[in-house]
C-alpha cells in the first residue's frame, strides 16, 4: 500500500489546497470592529454625564485623555504584543486579529466592571 497517495486519487492534492484561501483568523472581522467601537463608546460614555452634572471641563478632558487611550488602545496593544512574544518564543501561531479582539473584549469587560462598581 502506497501511503503517499491520497485516498481519493481522482482529486489532485494541489487543487484542494490552492483553490480555497486559508482562513487565518478565528474571529470574524465584524466582531473585531464591533468590539473596538463598543470599547470606544464605553470609554467615552461617562464623560458626557460628568459634563451634564457640572464637572469642570478641563478635569473631565484630562481624565478622558488618560482613560480612553488606555482602554481603547493600551489593553489591545498589550495583548497584541503578548501574542507577538509568544509567537517568537514558543513558536505559536496567534493571529493579530485574534489578539486584538481578545484585548478589546477584555477592555469592554473591565470597563463594564468598573462602571458597575462605581454606580
PDB file of N, CA and C in Angstrom:
ATOM      1  N   UNK A   1       0.830  -1.173   0.000  1.00  0.00           N
ATOM      2  CA  UNK A   1       0.000   0.000   0.000  1.00  0.00           C
ATOM      3  C   UNK A   1       0.880   1.243   0.000  1.00  0.00           C
ATOM      4  N   UNK A   2       0.608   2.152  -0.901  1.00  0.00           N
ATOM      5  CA  UNK A   2       1.366   3.381  -1.002  1.00  0.00           C
ATOM      6  C   UNK A   2       0.691   4.453  -0.139  1.00  0.00           C
ATOM      7  N   UNK A   3       1.365   4.894   0.914  1.00  0.00           N
ATOM      8  CA  UNK A   3       0.752   5.851   1.831  1.00  0.00           C
ATOM      9  C   UNK A   3       0.944   7.303   1.377  1.00  0.00           C
ATOM     10  N   UNK A   4       1.715   7.541   0.350  1.00  0.00           N
ATOM     11  CA  UNK A   4       1.952   8.908  -0.106  1.00  0.00           C
ATOM     12  C   UNK A   4       0.850   9.410  -1.033  1.00  0.00           C
ATOM     13  N   UNK A   5       0.049   8.520  -1.585  1.00  0.00           N
ATOM     14  CA  UNK A   5      -1.044   8.943  -2.446  1.00  0.00           C
ATOM     15  C   UNK A   5      -2.288   9.199  -1.613  1.00  0.00           C
ATOM     16  N   UNK A   6      -3.096  10.224  -1.985  1.00  0.00           N
ATOM     17  CA  UNK A   6      -4.331  10.468  -1.233  1.00  0.00           C
ATOM     18  C   UNK A   6      -5.324   9.339  -1.454  1.00  0.00           C
ATOM     19  N   UNK A   7      -6.258   9.199  -0.527  1.00  0.00           N
ATOM     20  CA  UNK A   7      -7.259   8.145  -0.628  1.00  0.00           C
ATOM     21  C   UNK A   7      -8.131   8.334  -1.858  1.00  0.00           C
ATOM     22  N   UNK A   8      -8.508   9.556  -2.137  1.00  0.00           N
ATOM     23  CA  UNK A   8      -9.328   9.848  -3.304  1.00  0.00           C
ATOM     24  C   UNK A   8      -8.371  10.291  -4.413  1.00  0.00           C
ATOM     25  N   UNK A   9      -7.934   9.376  -5.228  1.00  0.00           N
ATOM     26  CA  UNK A   9      -6.910   9.682  -6.223  1.00  0.00           C
ATOM     27  C   UNK A   9      -7.461  10.470  -7.407  1.00  0.00           C
ATOM     28  N   UNK A  10      -8.780  10.644  -7.514  1.00  0.00           N
ATOM     29  CA  UNK A  10      -9.331  11.402  -8.634  1.00  0.00           C
ATOM     30  C   UNK A  10      -9.151  12.908  -8.441  1.00  0.00           C
ATOM     31  N   UNK A  11      -8.882  13.351  -7.238  1.00  0.00           N
ATOM     32  CA  UNK A  11      -8.684  14.766  -6.955  1.00  0.00           C
ATOM     33  C   UNK A  11      -7.201  14.996  -6.700  1.00  0.00           C
ATOM     34  N   UNK A  12      -6.631  15.918  -7.433  1.00  0.00           N
ATOM     35  CA  UNK A  12      -5.222  16.224  -7.247  1.00  0.00           C
ATOM     36  C   UNK A  12      -5.033  16.963  -5.927  1.00  0.00           C
ATOM     37  N   UNK A  13      -3.978  16.645  -5.167  1.00  0.00           N
ATOM     38  CA  UNK A  13      -3.778  17.307  -3.876  1.00  0.00           C
ATOM     39  C   UNK A  13      -3.556  18.806  -4.008  1.00  0.00           C
ATOM     40  N   UNK A  14      -3.000  19.268  -5.122  1.00  0.00           N
ATOM     41  CA  UNK A  14      -2.745  20.699  -5.286  1.00  0.00           C
ATOM     42  C   UNK A  14      -4.050  21.473  -5.430  1.00  0.00           C
ATOM     43  N   UNK A  15      -5.057  20.867  -6.079  1.00  0.00           N
ATOM     44  CA  UNK A  15      -6.293  21.592  -6.330  1.00  0.00           C
ATOM     45  C   UNK A  15      -7.096  21.810  -5.054  1.00  0.00           C
ATOM     46  N   UNK A  16      -6.957  20.959  -4.084  1.00  0.00           N
ATOM     47  CA  UNK A  16      -7.713  21.102  -2.844  1.00  0.00           C
ATOM     48  C   UNK A  16      -7.185  22.266  -2.029  1.00  0.00           C
ATOM     49  N   UNK A  17      -5.881  22.387  -1.889  1.00  0.00           N
ATOM     50  CA  UNK A  17      -5.323  23.419  -1.025  1.00  0.00           C
ATOM     51  C   UNK A  17      -5.155  24.768  -1.727  1.00  0.00           C
ATOM     52  N   UNK A  18      -5.007  24.796  -3.027  1.00  0.00           N
ATOM     53  CA  UNK A  18      -4.714  26.063  -3.682  1.00  0.00           C
ATOM     54  C   UNK A  18      -5.958  26.818  -4.110  1.00  0.00           C
ATOM     55  N   UNK A  19      -7.120  26.177  -4.217  1.00  0.00           N
ATOM     56  CA  UNK A  19      -8.304  26.879  -4.677  1.00  0.00           C
ATOM     57  C   UNK A  19      -8.981  27.666  -3.568  1.00  0.00           C
ATOM     58  N   UNK A  20      -8.914  27.221  -2.319  1.00  0.00           N
ATOM     59  CA  UNK A  20      -9.542  27.920  -1.216  1.00  0.00           C
ATOM     60  C   UNK A  20      -8.495  28.726  -0.456  1.00  0.00           C
ATOM     61  N   UNK A  21      -8.786  30.017  -0.218  1.00  0.00           N
ATOM     62  CA  UNK A  21      -7.846  30.778   0.607  1.00  0.00           C
ATOM     63  C   UNK A  21      -7.921  30.299   2.057  1.00  0.00           C
ATOM     64  N   UNK A  22      -6.785  30.242   2.677  1.00  0.00           N
ATOM     65  CA  UNK A  22      -6.719  29.769   4.052  1.00  0.00           C
ATOM     66  C   UNK A  22      -7.238  30.843   4.993  1.00  0.00           C
ATOM     67  N   UNK A  23      -8.222  30.498   5.835  1.00  0.00           N
ATOM     68  CA  UNK A  23      -8.729  31.441   6.812  1.00  0.00           C
ATOM     69  C   UNK A  23      -7.746  31.479   7.970  1.00  0.00           C
ATOM     70  N   UNK A  24      -7.193  32.648   8.221  1.00  0.00           N
ATOM     71  CA  UNK A  24      -6.134  32.751   9.201  1.00  0.00           C
ATOM     72  C   UNK A  24      -6.658  33.067  10.594  1.00  0.00           C
ATOM     73  N   UNK A  25      -7.718  33.842  10.692  1.00  0.00           N
ATOM     74  CA  UNK A  25      -8.212  34.273  11.988  1.00  0.00           C
ATOM     75  C   UNK A  25      -9.481  33.521  12.357  1.00  0.00           C
ATOM     76  N   UNK A  26      -9.612  33.202  13.621  1.00  0.00           N
ATOM     77  CA  UNK A  26     -10.818  32.544  14.097  1.00  0.00           C
ATOM     78  C   UNK A  26     -11.969  33.520  14.283  1.00  0.00           C
ATOM     79  N   UNK A  27     -11.654  34.777  14.498  1.00  0.00           N
ATOM     80  CA  UNK A  27     -12.657  35.782  14.801  1.00  0.00           C
ATOM     81  C   UNK A  27     -13.039  36.531  13.529  1.00  0.00           C
ATOM     82  N   UNK A  28     -14.339  36.651  13.242  1.00  0.00           N
ATOM     83  CA  UNK A  28     -14.751  37.444  12.078  1.00  0.00           C
ATOM     84  C   UNK A  28     -14.390  38.917  12.252  1.00  0.00           C
ATOM     85  N   UNK A  29     -14.126  39.566  11.138  1.00  0.00           N
ATOM     86  CA  UNK A  29     -13.698  40.964  11.164  1.00  0.00           C
ATOM     87  C   UNK A  29     -14.762  41.867  11.781  1.00  0.00           C
ATOM     88  N   UNK A  30     -16.038  41.557  11.565  1.00  0.00           N
ATOM     89  CA  UNK A  30     -17.115  42.370  12.114  1.00  0.00           C
ATOM     90  C   UNK A  30     -17.139  42.378  13.635  1.00  0.00           C
ATOM     91  N   UNK A  31     -16.810  41.258  14.246  1.00  0.00           N
ATOM     92  CA  UNK A  31     -16.775  41.190  15.709  1.00  0.00           C
ATOM     93  C   UNK A  31     -15.619  42.029  16.242  1.00  0.00           C
ATOM     94  N   UNK A  32     -14.495  41.972  15.567  1.00  0.00           N
ATOM     95  CA  UNK A  32     -13.344  42.772  15.992  1.00  0.00           C
ATOM     96  C   UNK A  32     -13.661  44.257  15.912  1.00  0.00           C
ATOM     97  N   UNK A  33     -14.235  44.690  14.804  1.00  0.00           N
ATOM     98  CA  UNK A  33     -14.574  46.104  14.632  1.00  0.00           C
ATOM     99  C   UNK A  33     -15.660  46.508  15.628  1.00  0.00           C
ATOM    100  N   UNK A  34     -16.642  45.647  15.821  1.00  0.00           N
ATOM    101  CA  UNK A  34     -17.705  45.943  16.773  1.00  0.00           C
ATOM    102  C   UNK A  34     -17.200  46.104  18.193  1.00  0.00           C
ATOM    103  N   UNK A  35     -16.289  45.252  18.617  1.00  0.00           N
ATOM    104  CA  UNK A  35     -15.727  45.376  19.961  1.00  0.00           C
ATOM    105  C   UNK A  35     -14.877  46.636  20.099  1.00  0.00           C
ATOM    106  N   UNK A  36     -14.165  47.003  19.039  1.00  0.00           N
ATOM    107  CA  UNK A  36     -13.367  48.230  19.089  1.00  0.00           C
ATOM    108  C   UNK A  36     -14.273  49.457  19.226  1.00  0.00           C
ATOM    109  N   UNK A  37     -15.363  49.485  18.467  1.00  0.00           N
ATOM    110  CA  UNK A  37     -16.300  50.609  18.559  1.00  0.00           C
ATOM    111  C   UNK A  37     -16.981  50.618  19.924  1.00  0.00           C
ATOM    112  N   UNK A  38     -17.365  49.445  20.412  1.00  0.00           N
ATOM    113  CA  UNK A  38     -18.016  49.357  21.720  1.00  0.00           C
ATOM    114  C   UNK A  38     -17.072  49.808  22.834  1.00  0.00           C
ATOM    115  N   UNK A  39     -15.799  49.479  22.726  1.00  0.00           N
ATOM    116  CA  UNK A  39     -14.822  49.945  23.718  1.00  0.00           C
ATOM    117  C   UNK A  39     -14.696  51.461  23.685  1.00  0.00           C
ATOM    118  N   UNK A  40     -14.717  52.034  22.499  1.00  0.00           N
ATOM    119  CA  UNK A  40     -14.645  53.496  22.383  1.00  0.00           C
ATOM    120  C   UNK A  40     -15.889  54.142  22.974  1.00  0.00           C
ATOM    121  N   UNK A  41     -17.062  53.616  22.657  1.00  0.00           N
ATOM    122  CA  UNK A  41     -18.315  54.168  23.180  1.00  0.00           C
ATOM    123  C   UNK A  41     -18.363  54.049  24.703  1.00  0.00           C
ATOM    124  N   UNK A  42     -17.975  52.892  25.226  1.00  0.00           N
ATOM    125  CA  UNK A  42     -17.987  52.715  26.681  1.00  0.00           C
ATOM    126  C   UNK A  42     -17.013  53.663  27.374  1.00  0.00           C
ATOM    127  N   UNK A  43     -15.849  53.854  26.791  1.00  0.00           N
ATOM    128  CA  UNK A  43     -14.852  54.695  27.451  1.00  0.00           C
ATOM    129  C   UNK A  43     -15.230  56.171  27.409  1.00  0.00           C
ATOM    130  N   UNK A  44     -16.041  56.588  26.437  1.00  0.00           N
ATOM    131  CA  UNK A  44     -16.426  57.994  26.313  1.00  0.00           C
ATOM    132  C   UNK A  44     -17.770  58.267  26.990  1.00  0.00           C
ATOM    133  N   UNK A  45     -18.578  57.235  27.220  1.00  0.00           N
ATOM    134  CA  UNK A  45     -19.957  57.411  27.671  1.00  0.00           C
ATOM    135  C   UNK A  45     -20.081  58.181  28.985  1.00  0.00           C
ATOM    136  N   UNK A  46     -19.262  57.890  29.932  1.00  0.00           N
ATOM    137  CA  UNK A  46     -19.403  58.528  31.233  1.00  0.00           C
ATOM    138  C   UNK A  46     -19.048  59.995  31.257  1.00  0.00           C
ATOM    139  N   UNK A  47     -18.246  60.431  30.319  1.00  0.00           N
ATOM    140  CA  UNK A  47     -17.798  61.822  30.349  1.00  0.00           C
ATOM    141  C   UNK A  47     -18.909  62.795  29.979  1.00  0.00           C
ATOM    142  N   UNK A  48     -19.835  62.386  29.134  1.00  0.00           N
ATOM    143  CA  UNK A  48     -20.995  63.233  28.825  1.00  0.00           C
ATOM    144  C   UNK A  48     -21.839  63.468  30.065  1.00  0.00           C
ATOM    145  N   UNK A  49     -22.023  62.425  30.855  1.00  0.00           N
ATOM    146  CA  UNK A  49     -22.794  62.563  32.089  1.00  0.00           C
ATOM    147  C   UNK A  49     -22.061  63.447  33.097  1.00  0.00           C
ATOM    148  N   UNK A  50     -20.760  63.308  33.169  1.00  0.00           N
ATOM    149  CA  UNK A  50     -19.997  64.152  34.096  1.00  0.00           C
ATOM    150  C   UNK A  50     -20.089  65.621  33.701  1.00  0.00           C
ATOM    151  N   UNK A  51     -20.084  65.885  32.398  1.00  0.00           N
ATOM    152  CA  UNK A  51     -20.218  67.270  31.943  1.00  0.00           C
ATOM    153  C   UNK A  51     -21.629  67.803  32.203  1.00  0.00           C
ATOM    154  N   UNK A  52     -22.645  66.930  32.061  1.00  0.00           N
ATOM    155  CA  UNK A  52     -24.026  67.364  32.290  1.00  0.00           C
ATOM    156  C   UNK A  52     -24.289  67.715  33.755  1.00  0.00           C
ATOM    157  N   UNK A  53     -23.623  67.045  34.682  1.00  0.00           N
ATOM    158  CA  UNK A  53     -23.860  67.356  36.092  1.00  0.00           C
ATOM    159  C   UNK A  53     -22.999  68.513  36.581  1.00  0.00           C
ATOM    160  N   UNK A  54     -22.147  69.047  35.727  1.00  0.00           N
ATOM    161  CA  UNK A  54     -21.435  70.265  36.074  1.00  0.00           C
ATOM    162  C   UNK A  54     -19.980  70.117  36.450  1.00  0.00           C
ATOM    163  N   UNK A  55     -19.355  69.008  36.162  1.00  0.00           N
ATOM    164  CA  UNK A  55     -17.921  68.881  36.431  1.00  0.00           C
ATOM    165  C   UNK A  55     -17.139  69.832  35.530  1.00  0.00           C
ATOM    166  N   UNK A  56     -15.966  70.209  35.984  1.00  0.00           N
ATOM    167  CA  UNK A  56     -15.110  71.125  35.231  1.00  0.00           C
ATOM    168  C   UNK A  56     -14.659  70.454  33.927  1.00  0.00           C
ATOM    169  N   UNK A  57     -14.720  71.206  32.830  1.00  0.00           N
ATOM    170  CA  UNK A  57     -14.387  70.658  31.510  1.00  0.00           C
ATOM    171  C   UNK A  57     -12.923  70.236  31.449  1.00  0.00           C
ATOM    172  N   UNK A  58     -12.030  71.028  32.023  1.00  0.00           N
ATOM    173  CA  UNK A  58     -10.600  70.685  31.986  1.00  0.00           C
ATOM    174  C   UNK A  58     -10.308  69.383  32.725  1.00  0.00           C
ATOM    175  N   UNK A  59     -10.953  69.210  33.858  1.00  0.00           N
ATOM    176  CA  UNK A  59     -10.751  67.984  34.638  1.00  0.00           C
ATOM    177  C   UNK A  59     -11.254  66.766  33.867  1.00  0.00           C
ATOM    178  N   UNK A  60     -12.427  66.909  33.256  1.00  0.00           N
ATOM    179  CA  UNK A  60     -13.015  65.802  32.501  1.00  0.00           C
ATOM    180  C   UNK A  60     -12.137  65.463  31.300  1.00  0.00           C
ATOM    181  N   UNK A  61     -11.657  66.473  30.590  1.00  0.00           N
ATOM    182  CA  UNK A  61     -10.815  66.224  29.412  1.00  0.00           C
ATOM    183  C   UNK A  61      -9.476  65.604  29.781  1.00  0.00           C
ATOM    184  N   UNK A  62      -8.882  66.062  30.903  1.00  0.00           N
ATOM    185  CA  UNK A  62      -7.615  65.463  31.341  1.00  0.00           C
ATOM    186  C   UNK A  62      -7.800  63.999  31.713  1.00  0.00           C
ATOM    187  N   UNK A  63      -8.891  63.698  32.393  1.00  0.00           N
ATOM    188  CA  UNK A  63      -9.174  62.315  32.768  1.00  0.00           C
ATOM    189  C   UNK A  63      -9.436  61.466  31.523  1.00  0.00           C
ATOM    190  N   UNK A  64     -10.200  62.013  30.580  1.00  0.00           N
ATOM    191  CA  UNK A  64     -10.505  61.281  29.341  1.00  0.00           C
ATOM    192  C   UNK A  64      -9.253  61.066  28.499  1.00  0.00           C
ATOM    193  N   UNK A  65      -8.332  62.012  28.521  1.00  0.00           N
ATOM    194  CA  UNK A  65      -7.101  61.881  27.737  1.00  0.00           C
ATOM    195  C   UNK A  65      -6.233  60.729  28.226  1.00  0.00           C
ATOM    196  N   UNK A  66      -6.424  60.310  29.461  1.00  0.00           N
ATOM    197  CA  UNK A  66      -5.663  59.185  30.005  1.00  0.00           C
ATOM    198  C   UNK A  66      -6.441  57.878  29.872  1.00  0.00           C
ATOM    199  N   UNK A  67      -7.711  57.907  30.227  1.00  0.00           N
ATOM    200  CA  UNK A  67      -8.501  56.678  30.319  1.00  0.00           C
ATOM    201  C   UNK A  67      -8.877  56.122  28.951  1.00  0.00           C
ATOM    202  N   UNK A  68      -9.326  56.970  28.044  1.00  0.00           N
ATOM    203  CA  UNK A  68      -9.790  56.488  26.739  1.00  0.00           C
ATOM    204  C   UNK A  68      -8.671  55.777  25.972  1.00  0.00           C
ATOM    205  N   UNK A  69      -7.489  56.382  25.805  1.00  0.00           N
ATOM    206  CA  UNK A  69      -6.431  55.635  25.102  1.00  0.00           C
ATOM    207  C   UNK A  69      -5.964  54.385  25.852  1.00  0.00           C
ATOM    208  N   UNK A  70      -6.018  54.419  27.171  1.00  0.00           N
ATOM    209  CA  UNK A  70      -5.578  53.245  27.932  1.00  0.00           C
ATOM    210  C   UNK A  70      -6.470  52.045  27.653  1.00  0.00           C
ATOM    211  N   UNK A  71      -7.774  52.277  27.599  1.00  0.00           N
ATOM    212  CA  UNK A  71      -8.692  51.160  27.378  1.00  0.00           C
ATOM    213  C   UNK A  71      -8.862  50.825  25.902  1.00  0.00           C
ATOM    214  N   UNK A  72      -8.925  51.838  25.048  1.00  0.00           N
ATOM    215  CA  UNK A  72      -9.205  51.582  23.632  1.00  0.00           C
ATOM    216  C   UNK A  72      -7.951  51.125  22.889  1.00  0.00           C
ATOM    217  N   UNK A  73      -6.793  51.635  23.266  1.00  0.00           N
ATOM    218  CA  UNK A  73      -5.554  51.276  22.565  1.00  0.00           C
ATOM    219  C   UNK A  73      -4.595  50.451  23.420  1.00  0.00           C
ATOM    220  N   UNK A  74      -4.456  50.807  24.686  1.00  0.00           N
ATOM    221  CA  UNK A  74      -3.440  50.188  25.535  1.00  0.00           C
ATOM    222  C   UNK A  74      -3.645  48.711  25.791  1.00  0.00           C
ATOM    223  N   UNK A  75      -4.833  48.342  26.216  1.00  0.00           N
ATOM    224  CA  UNK A  75      -5.101  46.931  26.532  1.00  0.00           C
ATOM    225  C   UNK A  75      -5.012  46.052  25.281  1.00  0.00           C
ATOM    226  N   UNK A  76      -5.650  46.440  24.148  1.00  0.00           N
ATOM    227  CA  UNK A  76      -5.497  45.598  22.945  1.00  0.00           C
ATOM    228  C   UNK A  76      -4.051  45.506  22.448  1.00  0.00           C
ATOM    229  N   UNK A  77      -3.305  46.603  22.528  1.00  0.00           N
ATOM    230  CA  UNK A  77      -1.910  46.551  22.086  1.00  0.00           C
ATOM    231  C   UNK A  77      -1.067  45.685  23.014  1.00  0.00           C
ATOM    232  N   UNK A  78      -1.416  45.658  24.294  1.00  0.00           N
ATOM    233  CA  UNK A  78      -0.726  44.771  25.237  1.00  0.00           C
ATOM    234  C   UNK A  78      -0.961  43.305  24.858  1.00  0.00           C
ATOM    235  N   UNK A  79      -2.200  42.965  24.504  1.00  0.00           N
ATOM    236  CA  UNK A  79      -2.495  41.600  24.062  1.00  0.00           C
ATOM    237  C   UNK A  79      -1.785  41.290  22.745  1.00  0.00           C
ATOM    238  N   UNK A  80      -1.739  42.252  21.828  1.00  0.00           N
ATOM    239  CA  UNK A  80      -1.054  42.046  20.549  1.00  0.00           C
ATOM    240  C   UNK A  80       0.440  41.825  20.777  1.00  0.00           C
ATOM    241  N   UNK A  81       1.033  42.637  21.640  1.00  0.00           N
ATOM    242  CA  UNK A  81       2.458  42.481  21.936  1.00  0.00           C
ATOM    243  C   UNK A  81       2.731  41.129  22.589  1.00  0.00           C
ATOM    244  N   UNK A  82       1.847  40.710  23.491  1.00  0.00           N
ATOM    245  CA  UNK A  82       1.989  39.393  24.106  1.00  0.00           C
ATOM    246  C   UNK A  82       1.892  38.264  23.092  1.00  0.00           C
ATOM    247  N   UNK A  83       1.018  38.433  22.094  1.00  0.00           N
ATOM    248  CA  UNK A  83       0.906  37.393  21.067  1.00  0.00           C
ATOM    249  C   UNK A  83       2.160  37.341  20.211  1.00  0.00           C
ATOM    250  N   UNK A  84       2.745  38.500  19.920  1.00  0.00           N
ATOM    251  CA  UNK A  84       3.994  38.517  19.137  1.00  0.00           C
ATOM    252  C   UNK A  84       5.120  37.826  19.907  1.00  0.00           C
ATOM    253  N   UNK A  85       5.199  38.090  21.200  1.00  0.00           N
ATOM    254  CA  UNK A  85       6.242  37.466  22.022  1.00  0.00           C
ATOM    255  C   UNK A  85       6.034  35.953  22.077  1.00  0.00           C
ATOM    256  N   UNK A  86       4.796  35.518  22.296  1.00  0.00           N
ATOM    257  CA  UNK A  86       4.528  34.074  22.330  1.00  0.00           C
ATOM    258  C   UNK A  86       4.792  33.418  20.981  1.00  0.00           C
ATOM    259  N   UNK A  87       4.503  34.139  19.903  1.00  0.00           N
ATOM    260  CA  UNK A  87       4.792  33.580  18.580  1.00  0.00           C
ATOM    261  C   UNK A  87       6.289  33.374  18.386  1.00  0.00           C
ATOM    262  N   UNK A  88       7.098  34.314  18.862  1.00  0.00           N
ATOM    263  CA  UNK A  88       8.552  34.188  18.698  1.00  0.00           C
ATOM    264  C   UNK A  88       9.157  33.177  19.665  1.00  0.00           C
ATOM    265  N   UNK A  89       8.752  33.247  20.931  1.00  0.00           N
ATOM    266  CA  UNK A  89       9.383  32.425  21.955  1.00  0.00           C
ATOM    267  C   UNK A  89       8.907  30.973  21.898  1.00  0.00           C
ATOM    268  N   UNK A  90       7.597  30.787  21.849  1.00  0.00           N
ATOM    269  CA  UNK A  90       7.029  29.440  21.916  1.00  0.00           C
ATOM    270  C   UNK A  90       6.745  28.834  20.545  1.00  0.00           C
ATOM    271  N   UNK A  91       6.832  29.628  19.497  1.00  0.00           N
ATOM    272  CA  UNK A  91       6.545  29.110  18.165  1.00  0.00           C
ATOM    273  C   UNK A  91       5.060  28.936  17.892  1.00  0.00           C
ATOM    274  N   UNK A  92       4.223  29.673  18.625  1.00  0.00           N
ATOM    275  CA  UNK A  92       2.778  29.595  18.416  1.00  0.00           C
ATOM    276  C   UNK A  92       2.390  30.385  17.173  1.00  0.00           C
ATOM    277  N   UNK A  93       1.153  30.264  16.766  1.00  0.00           N
ATOM    278  CA  UNK A  93       0.661  30.989  15.596  1.00  0.00           C
ATOM    279  C   UNK A  93      -0.602  31.750  15.978  1.00  0.00           C
ATOM    280  N   UNK A  94      -0.447  32.729  16.846  1.00  0.00           N
ATOM    281  CA  UNK A  94      -1.573  33.558  17.275  1.00  0.00           C
ATOM    282  C   UNK A  94      -1.711  34.708  16.285  1.00  0.00           C
ATOM    283  N   UNK A  95      -2.858  34.805  15.653  1.00  0.00           N
ATOM    284  CA  UNK A  95      -3.082  35.848  14.661  1.00  0.00           C
ATOM    285  C   UNK A  95      -3.328  37.196  15.335  1.00  0.00           C
ATOM    286  N   UNK A  96      -2.976  38.255  14.622  1.00  0.00           N
ATOM    287  CA  UNK A  96      -3.101  39.606  15.143  1.00  0.00           C
ATOM    288  C   UNK A  96      -4.549  39.943  15.477  1.00  0.00           C
ATOM    289  N   UNK A  97      -5.471  39.604  14.585  1.00  0.00           N
ATOM    290  CA  UNK A  97      -6.877  39.941  14.823  1.00  0.00           C
ATOM    291  C   UNK A  97      -7.421  39.222  16.052  1.00  0.00           C
ATOM    292  N   UNK A  98      -7.014  37.984  16.271  1.00  0.00           N
ATOM    293  CA  UNK A  98      -7.456  37.255  17.456  1.00  0.00           C
ATOM    294  C   UNK A  98      -6.960  37.935  18.734  1.00  0.00           C
ATOM    295  N   UNK A  99      -5.703  38.366  18.728  1.00  0.00           N
ATOM    296  CA  UNK A  99      -5.140  39.023  19.910  1.00  0.00           C
ATOM    297  C   UNK A  99      -5.810  40.367  20.161  1.00  0.00           C
ATOM    298  N   UNK A 100      -6.020  41.151  19.108  1.00  0.00           N
ATOM    299  CA  UNK A 100      -6.672  42.450  19.280  1.00  0.00           C
ATOM    300  C   UNK A 100      -8.113  42.298  19.747  1.00  0.00           C
ATOM    301  N   UNK A 101      -8.818  41.307  19.210  1.00  0.00           N
ATOM    302  CA  UNK A 101     -10.199  41.074  19.627  1.00  0.00           C
ATOM    303  C   UNK A 101     -10.260  40.699  21.098  1.00  0.00           C
ATOM    304  N   UNK A 102      -9.364  39.843  21.539  1.00  0.00           N
ATOM    305  CA  UNK A 102      -9.319  39.483  22.953  1.00  0.00           C
ATOM    306  C   UNK A 102      -8.996  40.704  23.813  1.00  0.00           C
ATOM    307  N   UNK A 103      -8.122  41.568  23.319  1.00  0.00           N
ATOM    308  CA  UNK A 103      -7.794  42.795  24.050  1.00  0.00           C
ATOM    309  C   UNK A 103      -8.990  43.722  24.177  1.00  0.00           C
ATOM    310  N   UNK A 104      -9.744  43.927  23.080  1.00  0.00           N
ATOM    311  CA  UNK A 104     -10.922  44.788  23.152  1.00  0.00           C
ATOM    312  C   UNK A 104     -12.020  44.163  23.998  1.00  0.00           C
ATOM    313  N   UNK A 105     -12.162  42.851  23.938  1.00  0.00           N
ATOM    314  CA  UNK A 105     -13.138  42.178  24.789  1.00  0.00           C
ATOM    315  C   UNK A 105     -12.779  42.360  26.260  1.00  0.00           C
ATOM    316  N   UNK A 106     -11.520  42.210  26.595  1.00  0.00           N
ATOM    317  CA  UNK A 106     -11.066  42.413  27.968  1.00  0.00           C
ATOM    318  C   UNK A 106     -11.271  43.858  28.401  1.00  0.00           C
ATOM    319  N   UNK A 107     -11.004  44.810  27.501  1.00  0.00           N
ATOM    320  CA  UNK A 107     -11.207  46.221  27.823  1.00  0.00           C
ATOM    321  C   UNK A 107     -12.685  46.511  28.077  1.00  0.00           C
ATOM    322  N   UNK A 108     -13.570  45.964  27.252  1.00  0.00           N
ATOM    323  CA  UNK A 108     -15.009  46.194  27.432  1.00  0.00           C
ATOM    324  C   UNK A 108     -15.495  45.595  28.745  1.00  0.00           C
ATOM    325  N   UNK A 109     -15.072  44.384  29.040  1.00  0.00           N
ATOM    326  CA  UNK A 109     -15.493  43.734  30.282  1.00  0.00           C
ATOM    327  C   UNK A 109     -14.960  44.492  31.489  1.00  0.00           C
ATOM    328  N   UNK A 110     -13.732  44.943  31.434  1.00  0.00           N
ATOM    329  CA  UNK A 110     -13.171  45.667  32.579  1.00  0.00           C
ATOM    330  C   UNK A 110     -13.846  47.028  32.760  1.00  0.00           C
ATOM    331  N   UNK A 111     -14.201  47.715  31.667  1.00  0.00           N
ATOM    332  CA  UNK A 111     -14.916  48.987  31.804  1.00  0.00           C
ATOM    333  C   UNK A 111     -16.312  48.767  32.362  1.00  0.00           C
ATOM    334  N   UNK A 112     -17.008  47.730  31.912  1.00  0.00           N
ATOM    335  CA  UNK A 112     -18.327  47.437  32.459  1.00  0.00           C
ATOM    336  C   UNK A 112     -18.235  47.070  33.945  1.00  0.00           C
ATOM    337  N   UNK A 113     -17.195  46.357  34.310  1.00  0.00           N
ATOM    338  CA  UNK A 113     -16.985  46.000  35.713  1.00  0.00           C
ATOM    339  C   UNK A 113     -16.743  47.248  36.544  1.00  0.00           C
ATOM    340  N   UNK A 114     -15.913  48.147  36.051  1.00  0.00           N
ATOM    341  CA  UNK A 114     -15.652  49.398  36.776  1.00  0.00           C
ATOM    342  C   UNK A 114     -16.909  50.258  36.863  1.00  0.00           C
ATOM    343  N   UNK A 115     -17.687  50.310  35.789  1.00  0.00           N
ATOM    344  CA  UNK A 115     -18.928  51.092  35.821  1.00  0.00           C
ATOM    345  C   UNK A 115     -19.907  50.505  36.825  1.00  0.00           C
ATOM    346  N   UNK A 116     -19.988  49.199  36.911  1.00  0.00           N
ATOM    347  CA  UNK A 116     -20.871  48.572  37.883  1.00  0.00           C
ATOM    348  C   UNK A 116     -20.400  48.780  39.305  1.00  0.00           C
ATOM    349  N   UNK A 117     -19.096  48.828  39.504  1.00  0.00           N
ATOM    350  CA  UNK A 117     -18.553  49.022  40.838  1.00  0.00           C
ATOM    351  C   UNK A 117     -18.830  50.427  41.358  1.00  0.00           C
ATOM    352  N   UNK A 118     -18.688  51.427  40.502  1.00  0.00           N
ATOM    353  CA  UNK A 118     -18.825  52.817  40.932  1.00  0.00           C
ATOM    354  C   UNK A 118     -20.200  53.406  40.686  1.00  0.00           C
ATOM    355  N   UNK A 119     -21.177  52.625  40.278  1.00  0.00           N
ATOM    356  CA  UNK A 119     -22.511  53.196  40.039  1.00  0.00           C
ATOM    357  C   UNK A 119     -23.379  53.101  41.274  1.00  0.00           C
TER     358      UNK A 119
END
